[in-house]
Amino acid sequence: MTDDRLDGLKSVGWVSYILHLIVAVGAVLPGAQPGAVLLIVALVIDLVKKSDAAGTWQESHFAWRIRTVLWAGVLYLLTAPLFLLFLLPGFLAWGLISIWFLYRIVKGMVCMNKDQAIDI
């Protein structure tokens, strides 16, 4: 794969990570929710461009971001009933999920900055 193509994939990866980071920070800071639209845009970018990264160190980053979003979505859905039954446990669960999401995005960004694959 050419250096230009790898640089292009890295640029796409940075755009995706930045969109994820905005959403992750918004999820952790009360009242700073930027909305799910940015997350959906980032997920679509990752799903569309993932095959272009096949066989490169960046492939792991696309899979990392996709899995992070899917797992966070499942966890948010599974814990949503806590809000209906008990408000405080619901906030605690969503807070922990949001911190986990932020951690994964920052970890991915650190590895991408070093031009390293990320352990999946």
N, C-alpha and C. Protein backbone atom coordinates (compact mmCIF):
# COMPACT_ATOMS: atom_id res chain seq x y z
N MET A 1 0.85 -1.17 0.00
CA MET A 1 0.00 0.00 0.00
C MET A 1 0.90 1.23 0.00
N THR A 2 0.52 2.23 -0.75
CA THR A 2 1.34 3.44 -0.87
C THR A 2 1.25 4.30 0.39
N ASP A 3 2.28 5.11 0.56
CA ASP A 3 2.30 6.01 1.72
C ASP A 3 1.14 7.00 1.69
N ASP A 4 0.79 7.47 0.48
CA ASP A 4 -0.33 8.41 0.36
C ASP A 4 -1.64 7.76 0.81
N ARG A 5 -1.82 6.51 0.44
CA ARG A 5 -3.05 5.81 0.84
C ARG A 5 -3.09 5.59 2.35
N LEU A 6 -1.94 5.22 2.93
CA LEU A 6 -1.87 5.05 4.38
C LEU A 6 -2.11 6.38 5.10
N ASP A 7 -1.56 7.46 4.56
CA ASP A 7 -1.79 8.78 5.16
C ASP A 7 -3.26 9.16 5.07
N GLY A 8 -3.89 8.82 3.95
CA GLY A 8 -5.31 9.11 3.79
C GLY A 8 -6.15 8.34 4.80
N LEU A 9 -5.82 7.08 5.01
CA LEU A 9 -6.54 6.28 6.01
C LEU A 9 -6.32 6.83 7.41
N LYS A 10 -5.11 7.29 7.67
CA LYS A 10 -4.82 7.86 8.98
C LYS A 10 -5.63 9.15 9.18
N SER A 11 -5.75 9.95 8.14
CA SER A 11 -6.56 11.16 8.23
C SER A 11 -8.02 10.83 8.52
N VAL A 12 -8.54 9.83 7.85
CA VAL A 12 -9.91 9.38 8.10
C VAL A 12 -10.03 8.90 9.54
N GLY A 13 -9.03 8.17 10.00
CA GLY A 13 -9.02 7.68 11.38
C GLY A 13 -9.05 8.82 12.37
N TRP A 14 -8.28 9.87 12.11
CA TRP A 14 -8.27 11.02 13.02
C TRP A 14 -9.61 11.73 13.05
N VAL A 15 -10.23 11.88 11.87
CA VAL A 15 -11.57 12.51 11.83
C VAL A 15 -12.54 11.69 12.68
N SER A 16 -12.50 10.38 12.51
CA SER A 16 -13.40 9.51 13.27
C SER A 16 -13.11 9.60 14.77
N TYR A 17 -11.84 9.53 15.14
CA TYR A 17 -11.49 9.62 16.56
C TYR A 17 -11.93 10.97 17.15
N ILE A 18 -11.76 12.05 16.42
CA ILE A 18 -12.16 13.37 16.94
C ILE A 18 -13.67 13.41 17.13
N LEU A 19 -14.43 12.89 16.18
CA LEU A 19 -15.89 12.85 16.35
C LEU A 19 -16.28 12.00 17.56
N HIS A 20 -15.62 10.85 17.70
CA HIS A 20 -15.88 10.00 18.87
C HIS A 20 -15.51 10.73 20.17
N LEU A 21 -14.39 11.44 20.15
CA LEU A 21 -13.94 12.14 21.34
C LEU A 21 -14.94 13.23 21.75
N ILE A 22 -15.46 13.96 20.79
CA ILE A 22 -16.46 14.99 21.09
C ILE A 22 -17.66 14.36 21.77
N VAL A 23 -18.12 13.24 21.23
CA VAL A 23 -19.27 12.54 21.82
C VAL A 23 -18.91 12.00 23.21
N ALA A 24 -17.72 11.42 23.35
CA ALA A 24 -17.32 10.83 24.63
C ALA A 24 -17.20 11.90 25.72
N VAL A 25 -16.59 13.02 25.41
CA VAL A 25 -16.47 14.10 26.39
C VAL A 25 -17.86 14.63 26.73
N GLY A 26 -18.70 14.78 25.72
CA GLY A 26 -20.07 15.23 25.96
C GLY A 26 -20.86 14.28 26.84
N ALA A 27 -20.56 12.99 26.74
CA ALA A 27 -21.27 12.01 27.56
C ALA A 27 -20.82 12.05 29.01
N VAL A 28 -19.58 12.44 29.24
CA VAL A 28 -19.04 12.48 30.60
C VAL A 28 -19.39 13.79 31.30
N LEU A 29 -19.44 14.89 30.56
CA LEU A 29 -19.73 16.20 31.14
C LEU A 29 -21.24 16.46 31.10
N PRO A 30 -21.85 16.63 32.23
CA PRO A 30 -23.30 16.89 32.26
C PRO A 30 -23.66 18.17 31.48
N GLY A 31 -24.69 18.06 30.68
CA GLY A 31 -25.17 19.20 29.92
C GLY A 31 -24.39 19.51 28.66
N ALA A 32 -23.37 18.71 28.34
CA ALA A 32 -22.55 18.97 27.15
C ALA A 32 -22.78 17.91 26.08
N GLN A 33 -23.96 17.35 26.01
CA GLN A 33 -24.26 16.27 25.07
C GLN A 33 -24.37 16.81 23.65
N PRO A 34 -23.42 16.47 22.77
CA PRO A 34 -23.46 16.97 21.41
C PRO A 34 -24.44 16.23 20.51
N GLY A 35 -24.99 15.14 20.99
CA GLY A 35 -25.95 14.40 20.20
C GLY A 35 -25.35 13.16 19.57
N ALA A 36 -26.24 12.27 19.22
CA ALA A 36 -25.83 11.00 18.64
C ALA A 36 -25.48 11.12 17.16
N VAL A 37 -25.81 12.23 16.54
CA VAL A 37 -25.55 12.39 15.11
C VAL A 37 -24.06 12.26 14.80
N LEU A 38 -23.22 12.90 15.61
CA LEU A 38 -21.77 12.81 15.38
C LEU A 38 -21.29 11.37 15.51
N LEU A 39 -21.83 10.66 16.46
CA LEU A 39 -21.45 9.26 16.66
C LEU A 39 -21.85 8.41 15.47
N ILE A 40 -23.03 8.65 14.96
CA ILE A 40 -23.51 7.89 13.79
C ILE A 40 -22.65 8.22 12.57
N VAL A 41 -22.30 9.48 12.39
CA VAL A 41 -21.43 9.87 11.28
C VAL A 41 -20.09 9.15 11.39
N ALA A 42 -19.50 9.15 12.58
CA ALA A 42 -18.21 8.48 12.78
C ALA A 42 -18.33 6.97 12.52
N LEU A 43 -19.40 6.37 12.98
CA LEU A 43 -19.60 4.94 12.77
C LEU A 43 -19.74 4.61 11.29
N VAL A 44 -20.49 5.41 10.57
CA VAL A 44 -20.65 5.19 9.12
C VAL A 44 -19.31 5.33 8.41
N ILE A 45 -18.55 6.36 8.78
CA ILE A 45 -17.20 6.53 8.19
C ILE A 45 -16.37 5.27 8.42
N ASP A 46 -16.37 4.77 9.65
CA ASP A 46 -15.57 3.58 9.97
C ASP A 46 -16.05 2.35 9.21
N LEU A 47 -17.34 2.18 9.12
CA LEU A 47 -17.88 1.01 8.41
C LEU A 47 -17.56 1.07 6.92
N VAL A 48 -17.63 2.25 6.34
CA VAL A 48 -17.37 2.41 4.90
C VAL A 48 -15.88 2.23 4.58
N LYS A 49 -15.02 2.78 5.42
CA LYS A 49 -13.58 2.78 5.12
C LYS A 49 -12.81 1.59 5.70
N LYS A 50 -13.46 0.77 6.51
CA LYS A 50 -12.76 -0.35 7.16
C LYS A 50 -12.09 -1.27 6.14
N SER A 51 -12.77 -1.59 5.07
CA SER A 51 -12.20 -2.52 4.09
C SER A 51 -10.96 -1.93 3.41
N ASP A 52 -10.88 -0.61 3.30
CA ASP A 52 -9.70 0.02 2.72
C ASP A 52 -8.46 -0.17 3.58
N ALA A 53 -8.66 -0.39 4.87
CA ALA A 53 -7.54 -0.53 5.81
C ALA A 53 -7.12 -2.00 5.98
N ALA A 54 -7.79 -2.91 5.31
CA ALA A 54 -7.47 -4.34 5.46
C ALA A 54 -5.99 -4.60 5.20
N GLY A 55 -5.37 -5.33 6.12
CA GLY A 55 -3.98 -5.70 5.97
C GLY A 55 -2.98 -4.66 6.44
N THR A 56 -3.48 -3.56 6.99
CA THR A 56 -2.59 -2.51 7.50
C THR A 56 -2.73 -2.44 9.02
N TRP A 57 -1.81 -1.71 9.66
CA TRP A 57 -1.90 -1.54 11.11
C TRP A 57 -3.14 -0.74 11.49
N GLN A 58 -3.67 0.02 10.55
CA GLN A 58 -4.84 0.83 10.84
C GLN A 58 -6.15 0.03 10.88
N GLU A 59 -6.12 -1.16 10.34
CA GLU A 59 -7.31 -2.01 10.36
C GLU A 59 -7.79 -2.23 11.80
N SER A 60 -6.86 -2.39 12.72
CA SER A 60 -7.24 -2.61 14.11
C SER A 60 -7.96 -1.39 14.70
N HIS A 61 -7.61 -0.21 14.25
CA HIS A 61 -8.25 1.01 14.76
C HIS A 61 -9.70 1.11 14.28
N PHE A 62 -9.94 0.74 13.04
CA PHE A 62 -11.32 0.76 12.54
C PHE A 62 -12.17 -0.23 13.33
N ALA A 63 -11.64 -1.42 13.53
CA ALA A 63 -12.37 -2.44 14.30
C ALA A 63 -12.56 -1.98 15.75
N TRP A 64 -11.56 -1.35 16.33
CA TRP A 64 -11.60 -0.85 17.70
C TRP A 64 -12.74 0.16 17.88
N ARG A 65 -12.80 1.12 16.96
CA ARG A 65 -13.84 2.15 17.06
C ARG A 65 -15.24 1.57 16.84
N ILE A 66 -15.37 0.68 15.88
CA ILE A 66 -16.68 0.07 15.61
C ILE A 66 -17.13 -0.74 16.82
N ARG A 67 -16.25 -1.55 17.37
CA ARG A 67 -16.60 -2.35 18.55
C ARG A 67 -16.93 -1.47 19.75
N THR A 68 -16.18 -0.40 19.91
CA THR A 68 -16.44 0.51 21.04
C THR A 68 -17.85 1.08 20.95
N VAL A 69 -18.23 1.54 19.78
CA VAL A 69 -19.57 2.12 19.61
C VAL A 69 -20.65 1.07 19.81
N LEU A 70 -20.45 -0.10 19.22
CA LEU A 70 -21.47 -1.15 19.34
C LEU A 70 -21.63 -1.63 20.78
N TRP A 71 -20.52 -1.85 21.47
CA TRP A 71 -20.60 -2.28 22.87
C TRP A 71 -21.22 -1.20 23.75
N ALA A 72 -20.84 0.05 23.53
CA ALA A 72 -21.42 1.14 24.32
C ALA A 72 -22.92 1.21 24.07
N GLY A 73 -23.33 1.07 22.82
CA GLY A 73 -24.76 1.09 22.51
C GLY A 73 -25.52 -0.02 23.20
N VAL A 74 -24.96 -1.21 23.17
CA VAL A 74 -25.60 -2.35 23.84
C VAL A 74 -25.67 -2.10 25.35
N LEU A 75 -24.58 -1.62 25.92
CA LEU A 75 -24.56 -1.37 27.37
C LEU A 75 -25.54 -0.27 27.76
N TYR A 76 -25.62 0.79 26.96
CA TYR A 76 -26.60 1.85 27.26
C TYR A 76 -28.03 1.30 27.18
N LEU A 77 -28.30 0.48 26.18
CA LEU A 77 -29.65 -0.10 26.05
C LEU A 77 -29.98 -1.04 27.21
N LEU A 78 -29.01 -1.85 27.60
CA LEU A 78 -29.25 -2.79 28.70
C LEU A 78 -29.46 -2.08 30.04
N THR A 79 -28.82 -0.94 30.22
CA THR A 79 -28.96 -0.24 31.50
C THR A 79 -30.05 0.83 31.48
N ALA A 80 -30.65 1.08 30.34
CA ALA A 80 -31.73 2.08 30.25
C ALA A 80 -32.88 1.80 31.21
N PRO A 81 -33.28 0.55 31.42
CA PRO A 81 -34.38 0.32 32.36
C PRO A 81 -34.08 0.78 33.79
N LEU A 82 -32.80 0.92 34.13
CA LEU A 82 -32.47 1.41 35.48
C LEU A 82 -33.02 2.81 35.71
N PHE A 83 -33.10 3.60 34.65
CA PHE A 83 -33.67 4.94 34.78
C PHE A 83 -35.15 4.88 35.12
N LEU A 84 -35.83 3.86 34.62
CA LEU A 84 -37.26 3.73 34.89
C LEU A 84 -37.53 3.25 36.31
N LEU A 85 -36.65 2.39 36.80
CA LEU A 85 -36.84 1.82 38.13
C LEU A 85 -36.18 2.66 39.22
N PHE A 86 -34.93 3.00 38.98
CA PHE A 86 -34.14 3.73 39.98
C PHE A 86 -33.27 4.75 39.25
N LEU A 87 -33.49 6.00 39.50
CA LEU A 87 -32.79 7.05 38.76
C LEU A 87 -31.28 7.05 39.02
N LEU A 88 -30.88 6.99 40.28
CA LEU A 88 -29.46 7.07 40.61
C LEU A 88 -28.63 5.92 40.02
N PRO A 89 -29.07 4.67 40.13
CA PRO A 89 -28.29 3.60 39.50
C PRO A 89 -28.18 3.76 37.98
N GLY A 90 -29.21 4.31 37.37
CA GLY A 90 -29.16 4.55 35.93
C GLY A 90 -28.09 5.57 35.57
N PHE A 91 -28.03 6.67 36.34
CA PHE A 91 -26.99 7.67 36.11
C PHE A 91 -25.61 7.09 36.36
N LEU A 92 -25.46 6.29 37.40
CA LEU A 92 -24.16 5.68 37.70
C LEU A 92 -23.72 4.74 36.58
N ALA A 93 -24.64 3.91 36.12
CA ALA A 93 -24.32 2.96 35.05
C ALA A 93 -23.91 3.71 33.78
N TRP A 94 -24.69 4.70 33.40
CA TRP A 94 -24.37 5.46 32.19
C TRP A 94 -23.08 6.25 32.36
N GLY A 95 -22.82 6.73 33.55
CA GLY A 95 -21.56 7.42 33.80
C GLY A 95 -20.36 6.51 33.62
N LEU A 96 -20.47 5.30 34.15
CA LEU A 96 -19.37 4.33 34.01
C LEU A 96 -19.17 3.93 32.55
N ILE A 97 -20.26 3.73 31.83
CA ILE A 97 -20.16 3.39 30.40
C ILE A 97 -19.50 4.54 29.65
N SER A 98 -19.88 5.75 29.98
CA SER A 98 -19.32 6.92 29.29
C SER A 98 -17.83 7.07 29.57
N ILE A 99 -17.41 6.82 30.79
CA ILE A 99 -15.98 6.88 31.13
C ILE A 99 -15.22 5.79 30.38
N TRP A 100 -15.80 4.58 30.32
CA TRP A 100 -15.18 3.48 29.57
C TRP A 100 -15.05 3.86 28.10
N PHE A 101 -16.08 4.45 27.53
CA PHE A 101 -16.07 4.88 26.13
C PHE A 101 -14.96 5.91 25.90
N LEU A 102 -14.87 6.90 26.77
CA LEU A 102 -13.84 7.92 26.66
C LEU A 102 -12.44 7.30 26.76
N TYR A 103 -12.26 6.37 27.69
CA TYR A 103 -10.97 5.69 27.85
C TYR A 103 -10.56 4.99 26.55
N ARG A 104 -11.49 4.27 25.95
CA ARG A 104 -11.17 3.53 24.72
C ARG A 104 -10.81 4.46 23.57
N ILE A 105 -11.51 5.58 23.48
CA ILE A 105 -11.21 6.52 22.41
C ILE A 105 -9.82 7.15 22.62
N VAL A 106 -9.52 7.56 23.84
CA VAL A 106 -8.21 8.14 24.11
C VAL A 106 -7.10 7.12 23.90
N LYS A 107 -7.32 5.89 24.34
CA LYS A 107 -6.31 4.83 24.14
C LYS A 107 -6.05 4.62 22.65
N GLY A 108 -7.10 4.59 21.86
CA GLY A 108 -6.95 4.44 20.42
C GLY A 108 -6.19 5.60 19.80
N MET A 109 -6.50 6.81 20.25
CA MET A 109 -5.82 7.98 19.71
C MET A 109 -4.32 7.96 20.04
N VAL A 110 -3.99 7.53 21.23
CA VAL A 110 -2.58 7.44 21.62
C VAL A 110 -1.83 6.45 20.73
N CYS A 111 -2.43 5.30 20.50
CA CYS A 111 -1.79 4.30 19.63
C CYS A 111 -1.69 4.79 18.19
N MET A 112 -2.75 5.44 17.69
CA MET A 112 -2.69 5.95 16.32
C MET A 112 -1.61 7.01 16.19
N ASN A 113 -1.45 7.83 17.19
CA ASN A 113 -0.42 8.87 17.17
C ASN A 113 0.98 8.25 17.06
N LYS A 114 1.15 7.06 17.61
CA LYS A 114 2.43 6.35 17.55
C LYS A 114 2.55 5.47 16.31
N ASP A 115 1.54 5.52 15.42
CA ASP A 115 1.49 4.66 14.23
C ASP A 115 1.53 3.18 14.60
N GLN A 116 0.81 2.84 15.67
CA GLN A 116 0.78 1.46 16.15
C GLN A 116 -0.63 0.89 16.05
N ALA A 117 -0.69 -0.40 15.78
CA ALA A 117 -1.97 -1.10 15.84
C ALA A 117 -2.41 -1.13 17.30
N ILE A 118 -3.68 -1.33 17.50
CA ILE A 118 -4.21 -1.40 18.85
C ILE A 118 -4.66 -2.83 19.10
N ASP A 119 -4.40 -3.33 20.31
CA ASP A 119 -4.82 -4.68 20.65
C ASP A 119 -6.35 -4.71 20.76
N ILE A 120 -6.92 -5.63 20.04
CA ILE A 120 -8.39 -5.72 20.01
C ILE A 120 -8.88 -6.70 21.04
